[in-house]
Amino acid sequence: MKKTLIIGASPDPSRYAYKAAHMLTRFNHEIVNVGIKRGEVAGVEIEKPGEIHDDIDTITLYIGPDLQAQYHDYIVNTKPKRVIFNPGTENYELEKLLDQHNIEPLRACTLVLLSTGQY
């Protein structure tokens, strides 16, 4: 299973990050929720960005490019194998930075990857 860090986690059931957290756990992937809102999603507390997790396989983004710059160092220091840019989060600058650090940038939808067995 791929431990996944969700950036942009939200306790709002209408948000795709919320849906992804539940689907990831349903598919037995351990999750870490990172966001600015308090609460929990899929039984996991939402934490503020800060603690660097050293066992993350995948980061999945649910924040737009305008908010991503403040997470660049956090993402790179986490050293995931890949970062999924969900629709609306595409960011050439961040993708280039990831390439420089041997982290795979992937433009895809976490929900689709999970539901089609490609995650």
PDB file of N, CA and C in Angstrom:
ATOM      1  N   MET A   1       0.834  -1.179   0.000  1.00  0.00           N
ATOM      2  CA  MET A   1       0.000   0.000   0.000  1.00  0.00           C
ATOM      3  C   MET A   1       0.881   1.245   0.000  1.00  0.00           C
ATOM      4  N   LYS A   2       0.341   2.318  -0.566  1.00  0.00           N
ATOM      5  CA  LYS A   2       1.109   3.552  -0.733  1.00  0.00           C
ATOM      6  C   LYS A   2       0.640   4.610   0.268  1.00  0.00           C
ATOM      7  N   LYS A   3       1.490   4.897   1.255  1.00  0.00           N
ATOM      8  CA  LYS A   3       1.144   5.938   2.227  1.00  0.00           C
ATOM      9  C   LYS A   3       1.076   7.265   1.482  1.00  0.00           C
ATOM     10  N   THR A   4      -0.042   7.944   1.653  1.00  0.00           N
ATOM     11  CA  THR A   4      -0.337   9.137   0.861  1.00  0.00           C
ATOM     12  C   THR A   4      -0.587  10.344   1.747  1.00  0.00           C
ATOM     13  N   LEU A   5       0.084  11.435   1.413  1.00  0.00           N
ATOM     14  CA  LEU A   5      -0.103  12.710   2.099  1.00  0.00           C
ATOM     15  C   LEU A   5      -1.010  13.570   1.225  1.00  0.00           C
ATOM     16  N   ILE A   6      -2.101  14.016   1.798  1.00  0.00           N
ATOM     17  CA  ILE A   6      -3.077  14.832   1.080  1.00  0.00           C
ATOM     18  C   ILE A   6      -2.865  16.289   1.466  1.00  0.00           C
ATOM     19  N   ILE A   7      -2.428  17.105   0.505  1.00  0.00           N
ATOM     20  CA  ILE A   7      -2.270  18.542   0.769  1.00  0.00           C
ATOM     21  C   ILE A   7      -3.537  19.247   0.295  1.00  0.00           C
ATOM     22  N   GLY A   8      -4.178  19.911   1.235  1.00  0.00           N
ATOM     23  CA  GLY A   8      -5.449  20.561   0.955  1.00  0.00           C
ATOM     24  C   GLY A   8      -6.602  19.779   1.562  1.00  0.00           C
ATOM     25  N   ALA A   9      -6.286  18.927   2.542  1.00  0.00           N
ATOM     26  CA  ALA A   9      -7.316  18.132   3.214  1.00  0.00           C
ATOM     27  C   ALA A   9      -8.386  19.044   3.802  1.00  0.00           C
ATOM     28  N   SER A  10      -9.627  18.584   3.731  1.00  0.00           N
ATOM     29  CA  SER A  10     -10.739  19.387   4.212  1.00  0.00           C
ATOM     30  C   SER A  10     -11.799  18.480   4.840  1.00  0.00           C
ATOM     31  N   PRO A  11     -12.411  18.938   5.946  1.00  0.00           N
ATOM     32  CA  PRO A  11     -13.494  18.161   6.546  1.00  0.00           C
ATOM     33  C   PRO A  11     -14.840  18.361   5.824  1.00  0.00           C
ATOM     34  N   ASP A  12     -14.839  19.114   4.746  1.00  0.00           N
ATOM     35  CA  ASP A  12     -16.050  19.397   3.977  1.00  0.00           C
ATOM     36  C   ASP A  12     -16.323  18.244   3.007  1.00  0.00           C
ATOM     37  N   PRO A  13     -17.432  17.515   3.193  1.00  0.00           N
ATOM     38  CA  PRO A  13     -17.731  16.353   2.357  1.00  0.00           C
ATOM     39  C   PRO A  13     -17.913  16.671   0.860  1.00  0.00           C
ATOM     40  N   SER A  14     -18.115  17.933   0.522  1.00  0.00           N
ATOM     41  CA  SER A  14     -18.289  18.274  -0.886  1.00  0.00           C
ATOM     42  C   SER A  14     -16.950  18.459  -1.614  1.00  0.00           C
ATOM     43  N   ARG A  15     -15.841  18.460  -0.880  1.00  0.00           N
ATOM     44  CA  ARG A  15     -14.515  18.686  -1.480  1.00  0.00           C
ATOM     45  C   ARG A  15     -13.916  17.367  -1.979  1.00  0.00           C
ATOM     46  N   TYR A  16     -13.203  17.459  -3.095  1.00  0.00           N
ATOM     47  CA  TYR A  16     -12.578  16.265  -3.658  1.00  0.00           C
ATOM     48  C   TYR A  16     -11.499  15.692  -2.742  1.00  0.00           C
ATOM     49  N   ALA A  17     -10.815  16.535  -1.990  1.00  0.00           N
ATOM     50  CA  ALA A  17      -9.806  16.040  -1.050  1.00  0.00           C
ATOM     51  C   ALA A  17     -10.458  15.135  -0.004  1.00  0.00           C
ATOM     52  N   TYR A  18     -11.641  15.491   0.435  1.00  0.00           N
ATOM     53  CA  TYR A  18     -12.397  14.683   1.389  1.00  0.00           C
ATOM     54  C   TYR A  18     -12.733  13.323   0.778  1.00  0.00           C
ATOM     55  N   LYS A  19     -13.229  13.368  -0.457  1.00  0.00           N
ATOM     56  CA  LYS A  19     -13.594  12.132  -1.160  1.00  0.00           C
ATOM     57  C   LYS A  19     -12.369  11.250  -1.380  1.00  0.00           C
ATOM     58  N   ALA A  20     -11.246  11.869  -1.721  1.00  0.00           N
ATOM     59  CA  ALA A  20     -10.019  11.109  -1.951  1.00  0.00           C
ATOM     60  C   ALA A  20      -9.548  10.442  -0.655  1.00  0.00           C
ATOM     61  N   ALA A  21      -9.613  11.158   0.468  1.00  0.00           N
ATOM     62  CA  ALA A  21      -9.197  10.582   1.746  1.00  0.00           C
ATOM     63  C   ALA A  21     -10.000   9.326   2.061  1.00  0.00           C
ATOM     64  N   HIS A  22     -11.301   9.401   1.865  1.00  0.00           N
ATOM     65  CA  HIS A  22     -12.145   8.241   2.141  1.00  0.00           C
ATOM     66  C   HIS A  22     -11.876   7.100   1.171  1.00  0.00           C
ATOM     67  N   MET A  23     -11.671   7.428  -0.096  1.00  0.00           N
ATOM     68  CA  MET A  23     -11.413   6.382  -1.074  1.00  0.00           C
ATOM     69  C   MET A  23     -10.049   5.734  -0.834  1.00  0.00           C
ATOM     70  N   LEU A  24      -9.050   6.542  -0.508  1.00  0.00           N
ATOM     71  CA  LEU A  24      -7.727   5.989  -0.213  1.00  0.00           C
ATOM     72  C   LEU A  24      -7.798   5.012   0.952  1.00  0.00           C
ATOM     73  N   THR A  25      -8.479   5.392   2.022  1.00  0.00           N
ATOM     74  CA  THR A  25      -8.577   4.496   3.176  1.00  0.00           C
ATOM     75  C   THR A  25      -9.403   3.256   2.843  1.00  0.00           C
ATOM     76  N   ARG A  26     -10.416   3.416   2.011  1.00  0.00           N
ATOM     77  CA  ARG A  26     -11.220   2.268   1.591  1.00  0.00           C
ATOM     78  C   ARG A  26     -10.368   1.266   0.809  1.00  0.00           C
ATOM     79  N   PHE A  27      -9.363   1.779   0.077  1.00  0.00           N
ATOM     80  CA  PHE A  27      -8.449   0.925  -0.671  1.00  0.00           C
ATOM     81  C   PHE A  27      -7.213   0.545   0.159  1.00  0.00           C
ATOM     82  N   ASN A  28      -7.299   0.763   1.486  1.00  0.00           N
ATOM     83  CA  ASN A  28      -6.259   0.372   2.450  1.00  0.00           C
ATOM     84  C   ASN A  28      -4.939   1.121   2.324  1.00  0.00           C
ATOM     85  N   HIS A  29      -4.989   2.357   1.835  1.00  0.00           N
ATOM     86  CA  HIS A  29      -3.795   3.198   1.813  1.00  0.00           C
ATOM     87  C   HIS A  29      -3.832   4.066   3.070  1.00  0.00           C
ATOM     88  N   GLU A  30      -2.737   4.086   3.810  1.00  0.00           N
ATOM     89  CA  GLU A  30      -2.640   4.950   4.976  1.00  0.00           C
ATOM     90  C   GLU A  30      -2.540   6.393   4.488  1.00  0.00           C
ATOM     91  N   ILE A  31      -3.182   7.329   5.185  1.00  0.00           N
ATOM     92  CA  ILE A  31      -3.161   8.727   4.766  1.00  0.00           C
ATOM     93  C   ILE A  31      -2.640   9.639   5.867  1.00  0.00           C
ATOM     94  N   VAL A  32      -2.113  10.777   5.419  1.00  0.00           N
ATOM     95  CA  VAL A  32      -1.763  11.901   6.285  1.00  0.00           C
ATOM     96  C   VAL A  32      -2.504  13.088   5.696  1.00  0.00           C
ATOM     97  N   ASN A  33      -3.325  13.742   6.498  1.00  0.00           N
ATOM     98  CA  ASN A  33      -4.074  14.913   6.055  1.00  0.00           C
ATOM     99  C   ASN A  33      -3.339  16.182   6.447  1.00  0.00           C
ATOM    100  N   VAL A  34      -3.069  17.030   5.476  1.00  0.00           N
ATOM    101  CA  VAL A  34      -2.421  18.314   5.736  1.00  0.00           C
ATOM    102  C   VAL A  34      -3.305  19.400   5.153  1.00  0.00           C
ATOM    103  N   GLY A  35      -3.586  20.413   5.950  1.00  0.00           N
ATOM    104  CA  GLY A  35      -4.432  21.503   5.481  1.00  0.00           C
ATOM    105  C   GLY A  35      -4.487  22.624   6.496  1.00  0.00           C
ATOM    106  N   ILE A  36      -5.294  23.620   6.184  1.00  0.00           N
ATOM    107  CA  ILE A  36      -5.403  24.775   7.068  1.00  0.00           C
ATOM    108  C   ILE A  36      -6.651  24.711   7.949  1.00  0.00           C
ATOM    109  N   LYS A  37      -7.591  23.835   7.616  1.00  0.00           N
ATOM    110  CA  LYS A  37      -8.814  23.724   8.407  1.00  0.00           C
ATOM    111  C   LYS A  37      -8.638  22.690   9.499  1.00  0.00           C
ATOM    112  N   ARG A  38      -9.294  22.922  10.618  1.00  0.00           N
ATOM    113  CA  ARG A  38      -9.262  21.973  11.724  1.00  0.00           C
ATOM    114  C   ARG A  38     -10.270  20.857  11.456  1.00  0.00           C
ATOM    115  N   GLY A  39     -10.012  19.727  12.065  1.00  0.00           N
ATOM    116  CA  GLY A  39     -10.949  18.621  11.957  1.00  0.00           C
ATOM    117  C   GLY A  39     -10.246  17.344  11.574  1.00  0.00           C
ATOM    118  N   GLU A  40     -11.056  16.408  11.129  1.00  0.00           N
ATOM    119  CA  GLU A  40     -10.503  15.135  10.697  1.00  0.00           C
ATOM    120  C   GLU A  40     -11.230  14.674   9.454  1.00  0.00           C
ATOM    121  N   VAL A  41     -10.554  13.817   8.720  1.00  0.00           N
ATOM    122  CA  VAL A  41     -11.134  13.239   7.516  1.00  0.00           C
ATOM    123  C   VAL A  41     -10.766  11.763   7.507  1.00  0.00           C
ATOM    124  N   ALA A  42     -11.742  10.929   7.303  1.00  0.00           N
ATOM    125  CA  ALA A  42     -11.549   9.481   7.260  1.00  0.00           C
ATOM    126  C   ALA A  42     -10.847   8.979   8.527  1.00  0.00           C
ATOM    127  N   GLY A  43     -11.174   9.596   9.658  1.00  0.00           N
ATOM    128  CA  GLY A  43     -10.622   9.172  10.932  1.00  0.00           C
ATOM    129  C   GLY A  43      -9.209   9.648  11.224  1.00  0.00           C
ATOM    130  N   VAL A  44      -8.685  10.549  10.385  1.00  0.00           N
ATOM    131  CA  VAL A  44      -7.321  11.049  10.549  1.00  0.00           C
ATOM    132  C   VAL A  44      -7.372  12.564  10.718  1.00  0.00           C
ATOM    133  N   GLU A  45      -6.772  13.068  11.792  1.00  0.00           N
ATOM    134  CA  GLU A  45      -6.734  14.512  12.049  1.00  0.00           C
ATOM    135  C   GLU A  45      -6.041  15.260  10.919  1.00  0.00           C
ATOM    136  N   ILE A  46      -6.504  16.470  10.661  1.00  0.00           N
ATOM    137  CA  ILE A  46      -5.839  17.354   9.703  1.00  0.00           C
ATOM    138  C   ILE A  46      -4.749  18.090  10.462  1.00  0.00           C
ATOM    139  N   GLU A  47      -3.523  17.987   9.961  1.00  0.00           N
ATOM    140  CA  GLU A  47      -2.401  18.672  10.600  1.00  0.00           C
ATOM    141  C   GLU A  47      -1.944  19.827   9.725  1.00  0.00           C
ATOM    142  N   LYS A  48      -1.316  20.784  10.358  1.00  0.00           N
ATOM    143  CA  LYS A  48      -0.729  21.911   9.630  1.00  0.00           C
ATOM    144  C   LYS A  48       0.554  21.438   8.959  1.00  0.00           C
ATOM    145  N   PRO A  49       0.918  22.054   7.835  1.00  0.00           N
ATOM    146  CA  PRO A  49       2.195  21.671   7.225  1.00  0.00           C
ATOM    147  C   PRO A  49       3.327  22.029   8.176  1.00  0.00           C
ATOM    148  N   GLY A  50       4.229  21.174   8.341  1.00  0.00           N
ATOM    149  CA  GLY A  50       5.333  21.427   9.256  1.00  0.00           C
ATOM    150  C   GLY A  50       6.136  20.178   9.486  1.00  0.00           C
ATOM    151  N   GLU A  51       5.519  19.182  10.129  1.00  0.00           N
ATOM    152  CA  GLU A  51       6.231  17.929  10.381  1.00  0.00           C
ATOM    153  C   GLU A  51       6.540  17.260   9.047  1.00  0.00           C
ATOM    154  N   ILE A  52       7.804  16.927   8.860  1.00  0.00           N
ATOM    155  CA  ILE A  52       8.207  16.230   7.644  1.00  0.00           C
ATOM    156  C   ILE A  52       8.058  14.734   7.889  1.00  0.00           C
ATOM    157  N   HIS A  53       7.246  14.112   7.089  1.00  0.00           N
ATOM    158  CA  HIS A  53       7.049  12.664   7.160  1.00  0.00           C
ATOM    159  C   HIS A  53       8.067  12.021   6.223  1.00  0.00           C
ATOM    160  N   ASP A  54       8.763  11.014   6.703  1.00  0.00           N
ATOM    161  CA  ASP A  54       9.811  10.411   5.881  1.00  0.00           C
ATOM    162  C   ASP A  54       9.409   9.074   5.273  1.00  0.00           C
ATOM    163  N   ASP A  55       8.129   8.754   5.337  1.00  0.00           N
ATOM    164  CA  ASP A  55       7.666   7.465   4.825  1.00  0.00           C
ATOM    165  C   ASP A  55       6.517   7.607   3.826  1.00  0.00           C
ATOM    166  N   ILE A  56       6.491   8.724   3.111  1.00  0.00           N
ATOM    167  CA  ILE A  56       5.406   9.012   2.169  1.00  0.00           C
ATOM    168  C   ILE A  56       5.770   8.506   0.781  1.00  0.00           C
ATOM    169  N   ASP A  57       4.878   7.744   0.188  1.00  0.00           N
ATOM    170  CA  ASP A  57       5.060   7.288  -1.189  1.00  0.00           C
ATOM    171  C   ASP A  57       4.541   8.339  -2.166  1.00  0.00           C
ATOM    172  N   THR A  58       3.353   8.873  -1.876  1.00  0.00           N
ATOM    173  CA  THR A  58       2.659   9.767  -2.800  1.00  0.00           C
ATOM    174  C   THR A  58       2.125  10.981  -2.063  1.00  0.00           C
ATOM    175  N   ILE A  59       2.273  12.145  -2.693  1.00  0.00           N
ATOM    176  CA  ILE A  59       1.569  13.346  -2.248  1.00  0.00           C
ATOM    177  C   ILE A  59       0.523  13.640  -3.312  1.00  0.00           C
ATOM    178  N   THR A  60      -0.698  13.887  -2.890  1.00  0.00           N
ATOM    179  CA  THR A  60      -1.753  14.262  -3.830  1.00  0.00           C
ATOM    180  C   THR A  60      -2.203  15.682  -3.492  1.00  0.00           C
ATOM    181  N   LEU A  61      -2.200  16.540  -4.503  1.00  0.00           N
ATOM    182  CA  LEU A  61      -2.470  17.971  -4.308  1.00  0.00           C
ATOM    183  C   LEU A  61      -3.925  18.331  -4.549  1.00  0.00           C
ATOM    184  N   TYR A  62      -4.471  19.087  -3.612  1.00  0.00           N
ATOM    185  CA  TYR A  62      -5.819  19.639  -3.739  1.00  0.00           C
ATOM    186  C   TYR A  62      -5.820  21.126  -3.439  1.00  0.00           C
ATOM    187  N   ILE A  63      -4.717  21.798  -3.750  1.00  0.00           N
ATOM    188  CA  ILE A  63      -4.657  23.257  -3.652  1.00  0.00           C
ATOM    189  C   ILE A  63      -4.153  23.785  -4.990  1.00  0.00           C
ATOM    190  N   GLY A  64      -4.615  24.953  -5.357  1.00  0.00           N
ATOM    191  CA  GLY A  64      -4.241  25.547  -6.635  1.00  0.00           C
ATOM    192  C   GLY A  64      -2.809  26.044  -6.658  1.00  0.00           C
ATOM    193  N   PRO A  65      -2.304  26.328  -7.844  1.00  0.00           N
ATOM    194  CA  PRO A  65      -0.925  26.790  -8.010  1.00  0.00           C
ATOM    195  C   PRO A  65      -0.598  28.032  -7.187  1.00  0.00           C
ATOM    196  N   ASP A  66      -1.568  28.918  -6.979  1.00  0.00           N
ATOM    197  CA  ASP A  66      -1.321  30.151  -6.233  1.00  0.00           C
ATOM    198  C   ASP A  66      -0.966  29.878  -4.766  1.00  0.00           C
ATOM    199  N   LEU A  67      -1.400  28.761  -4.218  1.00  0.00           N
ATOM    200  CA  LEU A  67      -1.098  28.404  -2.824  1.00  0.00           C
ATOM    201  C   LEU A  67       0.068  27.422  -2.696  1.00  0.00           C
ATOM    202  N   GLN A  68       0.486  26.843  -3.800  1.00  0.00           N
ATOM    203  CA  GLN A  68       1.494  25.786  -3.743  1.00  0.00           C
ATOM    204  C   GLN A  68       2.893  26.273  -3.387  1.00  0.00           C
ATOM    205  N   ALA A  69       3.234  27.508  -3.739  1.00  0.00           N
ATOM    206  CA  ALA A  69       4.599  27.999  -3.513  1.00  0.00           C
ATOM    207  C   ALA A  69       5.025  27.848  -2.054  1.00  0.00           C
ATOM    208  N   GLN A  70       4.103  28.070  -1.133  1.00  0.00           N
ATOM    209  CA  GLN A  70       4.449  27.954   0.285  1.00  0.00           C
ATOM    210  C   GLN A  70       4.695  26.503   0.713  1.00  0.00           C
ATOM    211  N   TYR A  71       4.383  25.547  -0.150  1.00  0.00           N
ATOM    212  CA  TYR A  71       4.568  24.130   0.155  1.00  0.00           C
ATOM    213  C   TYR A  71       5.758  23.508  -0.579  1.00  0.00           C
ATOM    214  N   HIS A  72       6.428  24.258  -1.452  1.00  0.00           N
ATOM    215  CA  HIS A  72       7.519  23.685  -2.262  1.00  0.00           C
ATOM    216  C   HIS A  72       8.560  22.973  -1.413  1.00  0.00           C
ATOM    217  N   ASP A  73       9.113  23.657  -0.412  1.00  0.00           N
ATOM    218  CA  ASP A  73      10.148  23.049   0.431  1.00  0.00           C
ATOM    219  C   ASP A  73       9.593  21.846   1.201  1.00  0.00           C
ATOM    220  N   TYR A  74       8.393  21.991   1.704  1.00  0.00           N
ATOM    221  CA  TYR A  74       7.745  20.901   2.450  1.00  0.00           C
ATOM    222  C   TYR A  74       7.627  19.654   1.578  1.00  0.00           C
ATOM    223  N   ILE A  75       7.185  19.835   0.345  1.00  0.00           N
ATOM    224  CA  ILE A  75       7.017  18.704  -0.575  1.00  0.00           C
ATOM    225  C   ILE A  75       8.367  18.063  -0.886  1.00  0.00           C
ATOM    226  N   VAL A  76       9.341  18.871  -1.252  1.00  0.00           N
ATOM    227  CA  VAL A  76      10.666  18.351  -1.607  1.00  0.00           C
ATOM    228  C   VAL A  76      11.314  17.649  -0.413  1.00  0.00           C
ATOM    229  N   ASN A  77      11.211  18.229   0.765  1.00  0.00           N
ATOM    230  CA  ASN A  77      11.821  17.636   1.962  1.00  0.00           C
ATOM    231  C   ASN A  77      11.131  16.352   2.407  1.00  0.00           C
ATOM    232  N   THR A  78       9.875  16.182   2.032  1.00  0.00           N
ATOM    233  CA  THR A  78       9.140  14.955   2.344  1.00  0.00           C
ATOM    234  C   THR A  78       9.665  13.784   1.503  1.00  0.00           C
ATOM    235  N   LYS A  79      10.217  14.093   0.347  1.00  0.00           N
ATOM    236  CA  LYS A  79      10.827  13.095  -0.547  1.00  0.00           C
ATOM    237  C   LYS A  79       9.869  11.975  -0.958  1.00  0.00           C
ATOM    238  N   PRO A  80       8.691  12.330  -1.465  1.00  0.00           N
ATOM    239  CA  PRO A  80       7.805  11.271  -1.952  1.00  0.00           C
ATOM    240  C   PRO A  80       8.346  10.704  -3.267  1.00  0.00           C
ATOM    241  N   LYS A  81       7.821   9.573  -3.670  1.00  0.00           N
ATOM    242  CA  LYS A  81       8.191   9.025  -4.979  1.00  0.00           C
ATOM    243  C   LYS A  81       7.504   9.807  -6.097  1.00  0.00           C
ATOM    244  N   ARG A  82       6.284  10.290  -5.804  1.00  0.00           N
ATOM    245  CA  ARG A  82       5.529  11.023  -6.821  1.00  0.00           C
ATOM    246  C   ARG A  82       4.599  12.036  -6.175  1.00  0.00           C
ATOM    247  N   VAL A  83       4.217  13.019  -6.995  1.00  0.00           N
ATOM    248  CA  VAL A  83       3.226  14.010  -6.597  1.00  0.00           C
ATOM    249  C   VAL A  83       2.144  14.009  -7.662  1.00  0.00           C
ATOM    250  N   ILE A  84       0.906  13.801  -7.244  1.00  0.00           N
ATOM    251  CA  ILE A  84      -0.219  13.810  -8.176  1.00  0.00           C
ATOM    252  C   ILE A  84      -0.810  15.212  -8.218  1.00  0.00           C
ATOM    253  N   PHE A  85      -0.846  15.767  -9.419  1.00  0.00           N
ATOM    254  CA  PHE A  85      -1.475  17.057  -9.664  1.00  0.00           C
ATOM    255  C   PHE A  85      -2.898  16.768 -10.138  1.00  0.00           C
ATOM    256  N   ASN A  86      -3.849  16.858  -9.218  1.00  0.00           N
ATOM    257  CA  ASN A  86      -5.242  16.638  -9.569  1.00  0.00           C
ATOM    258  C   ASN A  86      -5.723  17.791 -10.452  1.00  0.00           C
ATOM    259  N   PRO A  87      -6.814  17.593 -11.205  1.00  0.00           N
ATOM    260  CA  PRO A  87      -7.299  18.658 -12.095  1.00  0.00           C
ATOM    261  C   PRO A  87      -7.422  19.998 -11.366  1.00  0.00           C
ATOM    262  N   GLY A  88      -6.854  21.033 -11.973  1.00  0.00           N
ATOM    263  CA  GLY A  88      -6.876  22.371 -11.407  1.00  0.00           C
ATOM    264  C   GLY A  88      -5.663  22.708 -10.566  1.00  0.00           C
ATOM    265  N   THR A  89      -4.793  21.729 -10.336  1.00  0.00           N
ATOM    266  CA  THR A  89      -3.601  21.972  -9.511  1.00  0.00           C
ATOM    267  C   THR A  89      -2.313  21.956 -10.330  1.00  0.00           C
ATOM    268  N   GLU A  90      -2.426  21.797 -11.635  1.00  0.00           N
ATOM    269  CA  GLU A  90      -1.245  21.715 -12.496  1.00  0.00           C
ATOM    270  C   GLU A  90      -0.373  22.955 -12.312  1.00  0.00           C
ATOM    271  N   ASN A  91       0.963  22.724 -12.263  1.00  0.00           N
ATOM    272  CA  ASN A  91       1.888  23.821 -11.984  1.00  0.00           C
ATOM    273  C   ASN A  91       3.248  23.465 -12.577  1.00  0.00           C
ATOM    274  N   TYR A  92       3.568  24.058 -13.707  1.00  0.00           N
ATOM    275  CA  TYR A  92       4.809  23.745 -14.406  1.00  0.00           C
ATOM    276  C   TYR A  92       6.030  24.013 -13.536  1.00  0.00           C
ATOM    277  N   GLU A  93       6.025  25.117 -12.795  1.00  0.00           N
ATOM    278  CA  GLU A  93       7.166  25.472 -11.935  1.00  0.00           C
ATOM    279  C   GLU A  93       7.441  24.386 -10.900  1.00  0.00           C
ATOM    280  N   LEU A  94       6.386  23.906 -10.246  1.00  0.00           N
ATOM    281  CA  LEU A  94       6.547  22.858  -9.240  1.00  0.00           C
ATOM    282  C   LEU A  94       6.952  21.539  -9.901  1.00  0.00           C
ATOM    283  N   GLU A  95       6.389  21.237 -11.049  1.00  0.00           N
ATOM    284  CA  GLU A  95       6.754  20.005 -11.757  1.00  0.00           C
ATOM    285  C   GLU A  95       8.238  20.001 -12.098  1.00  0.00           C
ATOM    286  N   LYS A  96       8.741  21.136 -12.531  1.00  0.00           N
ATOM    287  CA  LYS A  96      10.166  21.267 -12.859  1.00  0.00           C
ATOM    288  C   LYS A  96      11.025  21.054 -11.606  1.00  0.00           C
ATOM    289  N   LEU A  97      10.620  21.649 -10.491  1.00  0.00           N
ATOM    290  CA  LEU A  97      11.328  21.478  -9.223  1.00  0.00           C
ATOM    291  C   LEU A  97      11.346  20.005  -8.804  1.00  0.00           C
ATOM    292  N   LEU A  98      10.228  19.334  -8.954  1.00  0.00           N
ATOM    293  CA  LEU A  98      10.150  17.918  -8.599  1.00  0.00           C
ATOM    294  C   LEU A  98      11.102  17.094  -9.455  1.00  0.00           C
ATOM    295  N   ASP A  99      11.119  17.374 -10.756  1.00  0.00           N
ATOM    296  CA  ASP A  99      12.039  16.672 -11.665  1.00  0.00           C
ATOM    297  C   ASP A  99      13.485  16.817 -11.194  1.00  0.00           C
ATOM    298  N   GLN A 100      13.853  18.013 -10.739  1.00  0.00           N
ATOM    299  CA  GLN A 100      15.216  18.273 -10.273  1.00  0.00           C
ATOM    300  C   GLN A 100      15.573  17.458  -9.032  1.00  0.00           C
ATOM    301  N   HIS A 101      14.552  17.012  -8.308  1.00  0.00           N
ATOM    302  CA  HIS A 101      14.767  16.237  -7.085  1.00  0.00           C
ATOM    303  C   HIS A 101      14.369  14.768  -7.264  1.00  0.00           C
ATOM    304  N   ASN A 102      14.262  14.336  -8.513  1.00  0.00           N
ATOM    305  CA  ASN A 102      13.926  12.942  -8.831  1.00  0.00           C
ATOM    306  C   ASN A 102      12.612  12.479  -8.206  1.00  0.00           C
ATOM    307  N   ILE A 103      11.632  13.389  -8.195  1.00  0.00           N
ATOM    308  CA  ILE A 103      10.281  13.080  -7.731  1.00  0.00           C
ATOM    309  C   ILE A 103       9.384  13.149  -8.959  1.00  0.00           C
ATOM    310  N   GLU A 104       8.617  12.097  -9.188  1.00  0.00           N
ATOM    311  CA  GLU A 104       7.770  12.042 -10.374  1.00  0.00           C
ATOM    312  C   GLU A 104       6.555  12.962 -10.237  1.00  0.00           C
ATOM    313  N   PRO A 105       6.403  13.943 -11.147  1.00  0.00           N
ATOM    314  CA  PRO A 105       5.161  14.716 -11.183  1.00  0.00           C
ATOM    315  C   PRO A 105       4.166  13.969 -12.073  1.00  0.00           C
ATOM    316  N   LEU A 106       2.953  13.829 -11.619  1.00  0.00           N
ATOM    317  CA  LEU A 106       1.950  13.080 -12.368  1.00  0.00           C
ATOM    318  C   LEU A 106       0.666  13.897 -12.453  1.00  0.00           C
ATOM    319  N   ARG A 107       0.296  14.277 -13.663  1.00  0.00           N
ATOM    320  CA  ARG A 107      -0.975  14.973 -13.874  1.00  0.00           C
ATOM    321  C   ARG A 107      -2.058  13.920 -14.024  1.00  0.00           C
ATOM    322  N   ALA A 108      -2.868  13.796 -13.006  1.00  0.00           N
ATOM    323  CA  ALA A 108      -3.891  12.746 -12.991  1.00  0.00           C
ATOM    324  C   ALA A 108      -4.932  13.085 -11.933  1.00  0.00           C
ATOM    325  N   CYS A 109      -5.889  12.208 -11.793  1.00  0.00           N
ATOM    326  CA  CYS A 109      -6.922  12.357 -10.766  1.00  0.00           C
ATOM    327  C   CYS A 109      -6.821  11.166  -9.829  1.00  0.00           C
ATOM    328  N   THR A 110      -6.579  11.440  -8.567  1.00  0.00           N
ATOM    329  CA  THR A 110      -6.439  10.376  -7.577  1.00  0.00           C
ATOM    330  C   THR A 110      -7.663   9.466  -7.570  1.00  0.00           C
ATOM    331  N   LEU A 111      -8.848  10.045  -7.636  1.00  0.00           N
ATOM    332  CA  LEU A 111     -10.075   9.249  -7.604  1.00  0.00           C
ATOM    333  C   LEU A 111     -10.160   8.301  -8.796  1.00  0.00           C
ATOM    334  N   VAL A 112      -9.780   8.779  -9.971  1.00  0.00           N
ATOM    335  CA  VAL A 112      -9.805   7.943 -11.178  1.00  0.00           C
ATOM    336  C   VAL A 112      -8.735   6.855 -11.086  1.00  0.00           C
ATOM    337  N   LEU A 113      -7.528   7.220 -10.648  1.00  0.00           N
ATOM    338  CA  LEU A 113      -6.460   6.230 -10.509  1.00  0.00           C
ATOM    339  C   LEU A 113      -6.890   5.099  -9.574  1.00  0.00           C
ATOM    340  N   LEU A 114      -7.508   5.443  -8.467  1.00  0.00           N
ATOM    341  CA  LEU A 114      -7.957   4.433  -7.518  1.00  0.00           C
ATOM    342  C   LEU A 114      -9.073   3.574  -8.112  1.00  0.00           C
ATOM    343  N   SER A 115     -10.050   4.205  -8.718  1.00  0.00           N
ATOM    344  CA  SER A 115     -11.208   3.448  -9.221  1.00  0.00           C
ATOM    345  C   SER A 115     -10.880   2.580 -10.429  1.00  0.00           C
ATOM    346  N   THR A 116      -9.780   2.862 -11.117  1.00  0.00           N
ATOM    347  CA  THR A 116      -9.406   2.052 -12.281  1.00  0.00           C
ATOM    348  C   THR A 116      -8.240   1.113 -11.982  1.00  0.00           C
ATOM    349  N   GLY A 117      -7.809   1.044 -10.717  1.00  0.00           N
ATOM    350  CA  GLY A 117      -6.745   0.135 -10.339  1.00  0.00           C
ATOM    351  C   GLY A 117      -5.357   0.571 -10.785  1.00  0.00           C
ATOM    352  N   GLN A 118      -5.175   1.852 -11.093  1.00  0.00           N
ATOM    353  CA  GLN A 118      -3.878   2.352 -11.574  1.00  0.00           C
ATOM    354  C   GLN A 118      -3.098   3.096 -10.502  1.00  0.00           C
ATOM    355  N   TYR A 119      -3.622   3.149  -9.278  1.00  0.00           N
ATOM    356  CA  TYR A 119      -2.970   3.936  -8.232  1.00  0.00           C
ATOM    357  C   TYR A 119      -1.657   3.308  -7.828  1.00  0.00           C
TER     358      TYR A 119
END
